[in-house]
Amino acid sequence: MTAPTRIAALLAAALALSALTGWQGYRAGHAACEAAHNATLLAHIEAGRKLDDDRRRLARERDELAAQLEEEAHADPVIVERCLAPGRVQRLNTLR
């Protein structure tokens, strides 16, 4: 092998090696970026689940409170159709 041929072969090998190294680096960077994106996405999903659980818990508490207030309102007998019983008036005053 002559010197110019040897130099050309070494340059081709160096170019192939650098291309392979670049490709591996690109793939590693792509995988790292995709993993970071998936981790962020999972964090958003988990935060959404927590918010949804809190929303459901608050809705359940609200419904229980509404049922309790309605039961208390119906617990007092109606004395006069046009007037509220004293217990109802006091209960309404506590809501203010």
N, C-alpha and C. Protein backbone atom coordinates (compact mmCIF):
# COMPACT_ATOMS: atom_id res chain seq x y z
N MET A 1 0.83 -1.16 0.00
CA MET A 1 0.00 0.00 0.00
C MET A 1 0.88 1.24 0.00
N THR A 2 0.55 2.13 -0.85
CA THR A 2 1.34 3.35 -0.94
C THR A 2 0.87 4.34 0.11
N ALA A 3 1.64 5.35 0.33
CA ALA A 3 1.37 6.34 1.38
C ALA A 3 0.05 7.07 1.15
N PRO A 4 -0.26 7.55 -0.08
CA PRO A 4 -1.55 8.23 -0.26
C PRO A 4 -2.73 7.29 -0.04
N THR A 5 -2.61 6.05 -0.42
CA THR A 5 -3.70 5.09 -0.22
C THR A 5 -3.88 4.80 1.27
N ARG A 6 -2.75 4.68 1.96
CA ARG A 6 -2.80 4.42 3.40
C ARG A 6 -3.43 5.62 4.12
N ILE A 7 -3.08 6.81 3.73
CA ILE A 7 -3.64 8.02 4.35
C ILE A 7 -5.14 8.09 4.08
N ALA A 8 -5.55 7.79 2.85
CA ALA A 8 -6.96 7.81 2.49
C ALA A 8 -7.73 6.76 3.30
N ALA A 9 -7.14 5.58 3.49
CA ALA A 9 -7.80 4.52 4.27
C ALA A 9 -7.92 4.95 5.74
N LEU A 10 -6.87 5.57 6.28
CA LEU A 10 -6.91 6.05 7.67
C LEU A 10 -7.94 7.16 7.83
N LEU A 11 -8.02 8.06 6.86
CA LEU A 11 -9.01 9.12 6.92
C LEU A 11 -10.44 8.55 6.83
N ALA A 12 -10.63 7.54 5.96
CA ALA A 12 -11.94 6.91 5.84
C ALA A 12 -12.31 6.20 7.14
N ALA A 13 -11.35 5.54 7.76
CA ALA A 13 -11.60 4.85 9.03
C ALA A 13 -11.92 5.87 10.13
N ALA A 14 -11.16 6.98 10.15
CA ALA A 14 -11.41 8.02 11.15
C ALA A 14 -12.79 8.65 10.94
N LEU A 15 -13.15 8.87 9.68
CA LEU A 15 -14.47 9.42 9.37
C LEU A 15 -15.58 8.46 9.78
N ALA A 16 -15.40 7.19 9.51
CA ALA A 16 -16.40 6.18 9.90
C ALA A 16 -16.52 6.10 11.42
N LEU A 17 -15.38 6.14 12.11
CA LEU A 17 -15.39 6.09 13.57
C LEU A 17 -16.07 7.33 14.16
N SER A 18 -15.78 8.48 13.59
CA SER A 18 -16.42 9.70 14.11
C SER A 18 -17.92 9.70 13.81
N ALA A 19 -18.31 9.17 12.64
CA ALA A 19 -19.73 9.09 12.31
C ALA A 19 -20.44 8.12 13.27
N LEU A 20 -19.81 7.00 13.58
CA LEU A 20 -20.39 6.04 14.50
C LEU A 20 -20.50 6.63 15.90
N THR A 21 -19.47 7.32 16.33
CA THR A 21 -19.49 7.96 17.65
C THR A 21 -20.58 9.04 17.70
N GLY A 22 -20.69 9.82 16.66
CA GLY A 22 -21.73 10.85 16.59
C GLY A 22 -23.12 10.25 16.64
N TRP A 23 -23.31 9.16 15.90
CA TRP A 23 -24.62 8.51 15.89
C TRP A 23 -24.96 7.95 17.27
N GLN A 24 -23.98 7.33 17.93
CA GLN A 24 -24.23 6.81 19.28
C GLN A 24 -24.55 7.94 20.27
N GLY A 25 -23.85 9.04 20.13
CA GLY A 25 -24.13 10.20 20.98
C GLY A 25 -25.53 10.75 20.73
N TYR A 26 -25.89 10.80 19.47
CA TYR A 26 -27.24 11.28 19.11
C TYR A 26 -28.30 10.38 19.72
N ARG A 27 -28.13 9.07 19.59
CA ARG A 27 -29.09 8.12 20.14
C ARG A 27 -29.17 8.22 21.67
N ALA A 28 -28.01 8.38 22.32
CA ALA A 28 -28.00 8.50 23.78
C ALA A 28 -28.70 9.78 24.22
N GLY A 29 -28.46 10.87 23.51
CA GLY A 29 -29.13 12.13 23.82
C GLY A 29 -30.62 12.04 23.60
N HIS A 30 -31.00 11.38 22.52
CA HIS A 30 -32.41 11.21 22.22
C HIS A 30 -33.09 10.39 23.33
N ALA A 31 -32.46 9.32 23.76
CA ALA A 31 -33.02 8.48 24.82
C ALA A 31 -33.12 9.26 26.13
N ALA A 32 -32.12 10.06 26.45
CA ALA A 32 -32.16 10.86 27.68
C ALA A 32 -33.27 11.90 27.61
N CYS A 33 -33.42 12.53 26.46
CA CYS A 33 -34.48 13.53 26.30
C CYS A 33 -35.86 12.88 26.40
N GLU A 34 -36.01 11.73 25.79
CA GLU A 34 -37.28 11.03 25.85
C GLU A 34 -37.59 10.58 27.27
N ALA A 35 -36.59 10.12 28.01
CA ALA A 35 -36.79 9.72 29.41
C ALA A 35 -37.19 10.91 30.26
N ALA A 36 -36.56 12.05 30.04
CA ALA A 36 -36.91 13.25 30.80
C ALA A 36 -38.34 13.69 30.47
N HIS A 37 -38.71 13.61 29.21
CA HIS A 37 -40.06 13.98 28.81
C HIS A 37 -41.08 13.03 29.44
N ASN A 38 -40.80 11.74 29.45
CA ASN A 38 -41.70 10.77 30.06
C ASN A 38 -41.82 11.00 31.56
N ALA A 39 -40.72 11.34 32.23
CA ALA A 39 -40.76 11.62 33.66
C ALA A 39 -41.62 12.85 33.94
N THR A 40 -41.48 13.88 33.13
CA THR A 40 -42.31 15.08 33.28
C THR A 40 -43.78 14.76 33.05
N LEU A 41 -44.04 13.97 32.03
CA LEU A 41 -45.41 13.59 31.72
C LEU A 41 -46.03 12.78 32.87
N LEU A 42 -45.27 11.85 33.43
CA LEU A 42 -45.76 11.07 34.56
C LEU A 42 -46.02 11.96 35.78
N ALA A 43 -45.16 12.95 35.99
CA ALA A 43 -45.36 13.87 37.11
C ALA A 43 -46.65 14.67 36.93
N HIS A 44 -46.92 15.10 35.69
CA HIS A 44 -48.15 15.83 35.41
C HIS A 44 -49.38 14.94 35.61
N ILE A 45 -49.27 13.69 35.19
CA ILE A 45 -50.38 12.76 35.34
C ILE A 45 -50.65 12.53 36.83
N GLU A 46 -49.59 12.32 37.61
CA GLU A 46 -49.75 12.10 39.05
C GLU A 46 -50.35 13.33 39.74
N ALA A 47 -49.90 14.51 39.34
CA ALA A 47 -50.47 15.74 39.91
C ALA A 47 -51.95 15.86 39.56
N GLY A 48 -52.31 15.50 38.34
CA GLY A 48 -53.71 15.52 37.93
C GLY A 48 -54.55 14.53 38.73
N ARG A 49 -53.99 13.35 39.00
CA ARG A 49 -54.70 12.37 39.82
C ARG A 49 -54.93 12.89 41.23
N LYS A 50 -53.90 13.52 41.79
CA LYS A 50 -54.05 14.06 43.15
C LYS A 50 -55.12 15.15 43.18
N LEU A 51 -55.11 16.02 42.18
CA LEU A 51 -56.12 17.08 42.12
C LEU A 51 -57.52 16.49 41.96
N ASP A 52 -57.64 15.46 41.14
CA ASP A 52 -58.93 14.83 40.93
C ASP A 52 -59.40 14.14 42.21
N ASP A 53 -58.49 13.48 42.94
CA ASP A 53 -58.86 12.87 44.21
C ASP A 53 -59.32 13.92 45.22
N ASP A 54 -58.61 15.05 45.26
CA ASP A 54 -59.01 16.14 46.15
C ASP A 54 -60.38 16.69 45.76
N ARG A 55 -60.60 16.83 44.47
CA ARG A 55 -61.89 17.33 44.00
C ARG A 55 -63.01 16.38 44.39
N ARG A 56 -62.79 15.09 44.23
CA ARG A 56 -63.81 14.10 44.61
C ARG A 56 -64.06 14.11 46.12
N ARG A 57 -62.98 14.24 46.90
CA ARG A 57 -63.12 14.27 48.35
C ARG A 57 -63.93 15.49 48.78
N LEU A 58 -63.62 16.64 48.19
CA LEU A 58 -64.35 17.86 48.52
C LEU A 58 -65.82 17.78 48.09
N ALA A 59 -66.08 17.17 46.95
CA ALA A 59 -67.46 17.02 46.49
C ALA A 59 -68.22 16.10 47.44
N ARG A 60 -67.56 15.03 47.90
CA ARG A 60 -68.20 14.12 48.83
C ARG A 60 -68.51 14.83 50.16
N GLU A 61 -67.54 15.62 50.65
CA GLU A 61 -67.76 16.39 51.89
C GLU A 61 -68.90 17.39 51.72
N ARG A 62 -68.93 18.05 50.56
CA ARG A 62 -70.00 19.01 50.28
C ARG A 62 -71.36 18.33 50.27
N ASP A 63 -71.44 17.16 49.63
CA ASP A 63 -72.72 16.43 49.58
C ASP A 63 -73.14 15.96 50.96
N GLU A 64 -72.16 15.50 51.76
CA GLU A 64 -72.49 15.07 53.12
C GLU A 64 -72.99 16.24 53.96
N LEU A 65 -72.35 17.39 53.82
CA LEU A 65 -72.78 18.58 54.55
C LEU A 65 -74.17 19.04 54.10
N ALA A 66 -74.43 18.98 52.82
CA ALA A 66 -75.74 19.37 52.31
C ALA A 66 -76.82 18.43 52.85
N ALA A 67 -76.51 17.13 52.87
CA ALA A 67 -77.48 16.16 53.40
C ALA A 67 -77.70 16.39 54.89
N GLN A 68 -76.63 16.68 55.62
CA GLN A 68 -76.75 16.93 57.05
C GLN A 68 -77.59 18.18 57.31
N LEU A 69 -77.34 19.24 56.55
CA LEU A 69 -78.12 20.46 56.73
C LEU A 69 -79.60 20.25 56.37
N GLU A 70 -79.84 19.46 55.35
CA GLU A 70 -81.22 19.19 54.97
C GLU A 70 -81.93 18.36 56.04
N GLU A 71 -81.20 17.37 56.59
CA GLU A 71 -81.78 16.58 57.67
C GLU A 71 -82.10 17.45 58.89
N GLU A 72 -81.18 18.36 59.23
CA GLU A 72 -81.42 19.26 60.35
C GLU A 72 -82.60 20.19 60.07
N ALA A 73 -82.72 20.62 58.83
CA ALA A 73 -83.82 21.52 58.49
C ALA A 73 -85.16 20.80 58.59
N HIS A 74 -85.18 19.54 58.22
CA HIS A 74 -86.43 18.78 58.28
C HIS A 74 -86.68 18.19 59.67
N ALA A 75 -85.70 18.27 60.54
CA ALA A 75 -85.87 17.73 61.89
C ALA A 75 -86.81 18.58 62.72
N ASP A 76 -86.81 19.89 62.50
CA ASP A 76 -87.71 20.78 63.24
C ASP A 76 -89.10 20.73 62.62
N PRO A 77 -90.10 20.51 63.42
CA PRO A 77 -91.46 20.50 62.86
C PRO A 77 -91.89 21.91 62.47
N VAL A 78 -92.74 22.00 61.50
CA VAL A 78 -93.28 23.28 61.07
C VAL A 78 -94.42 23.63 62.01
N ILE A 79 -94.26 24.71 62.77
CA ILE A 79 -95.28 25.11 63.72
C ILE A 79 -96.35 25.93 63.01
N VAL A 80 -95.93 26.95 62.33
CA VAL A 80 -96.85 27.80 61.57
C VAL A 80 -96.30 27.85 60.15
N GLU A 81 -97.17 27.69 59.17
CA GLU A 81 -96.74 27.63 57.78
C GLU A 81 -95.96 28.87 57.34
N ARG A 82 -96.33 30.03 57.85
CA ARG A 82 -95.71 31.27 57.38
C ARG A 82 -94.48 31.65 58.18
N CYS A 83 -94.19 30.96 59.25
CA CYS A 83 -93.05 31.32 60.10
C CYS A 83 -92.07 30.18 60.19
N LEU A 84 -90.84 30.52 60.49
CA LEU A 84 -89.82 29.52 60.72
C LEU A 84 -89.74 29.23 62.21
N ALA A 85 -89.41 28.00 62.53
CA ALA A 85 -89.25 27.62 63.93
C ALA A 85 -88.01 28.32 64.49
N PRO A 86 -87.94 28.53 65.80
CA PRO A 86 -86.77 29.21 66.38
C PRO A 86 -85.45 28.50 66.07
N GLY A 87 -85.48 27.19 66.06
CA GLY A 87 -84.26 26.44 65.75
C GLY A 87 -83.77 26.71 64.33
N ARG A 88 -84.72 26.83 63.41
CA ARG A 88 -84.34 27.12 62.02
C ARG A 88 -83.75 28.52 61.89
N VAL A 89 -84.35 29.47 62.59
CA VAL A 89 -83.84 30.85 62.53
C VAL A 89 -82.43 30.90 63.11
N GLN A 90 -82.22 30.23 64.23
CA GLN A 90 -80.88 30.23 64.84
C GLN A 90 -79.87 29.54 63.92
N ARG A 91 -80.30 28.46 63.28
CA ARG A 91 -79.40 27.76 62.37
C ARG A 91 -79.06 28.65 61.16
N LEU A 92 -80.05 29.35 60.64
CA LEU A 92 -79.80 30.25 59.51
C LEU A 92 -78.87 31.39 59.93
N ASN A 93 -79.03 31.88 61.16
CA ASN A 93 -78.17 32.95 61.63
C ASN A 93 -76.73 32.48 61.78
N THR A 94 -76.52 31.22 62.10
CA THR A 94 -75.14 30.73 62.24
C THR A 94 -74.47 30.59 60.88
N LEU A 95 -75.24 30.50 59.82
CA LEU A 95 -74.66 30.37 58.48
C LEU A 95 -74.09 31.67 57.96
N ARG A 96 -74.50 32.80 58.53
CA ARG A 96 -74.00 34.09 58.07
C ARG A 96 -72.59 34.30 58.43
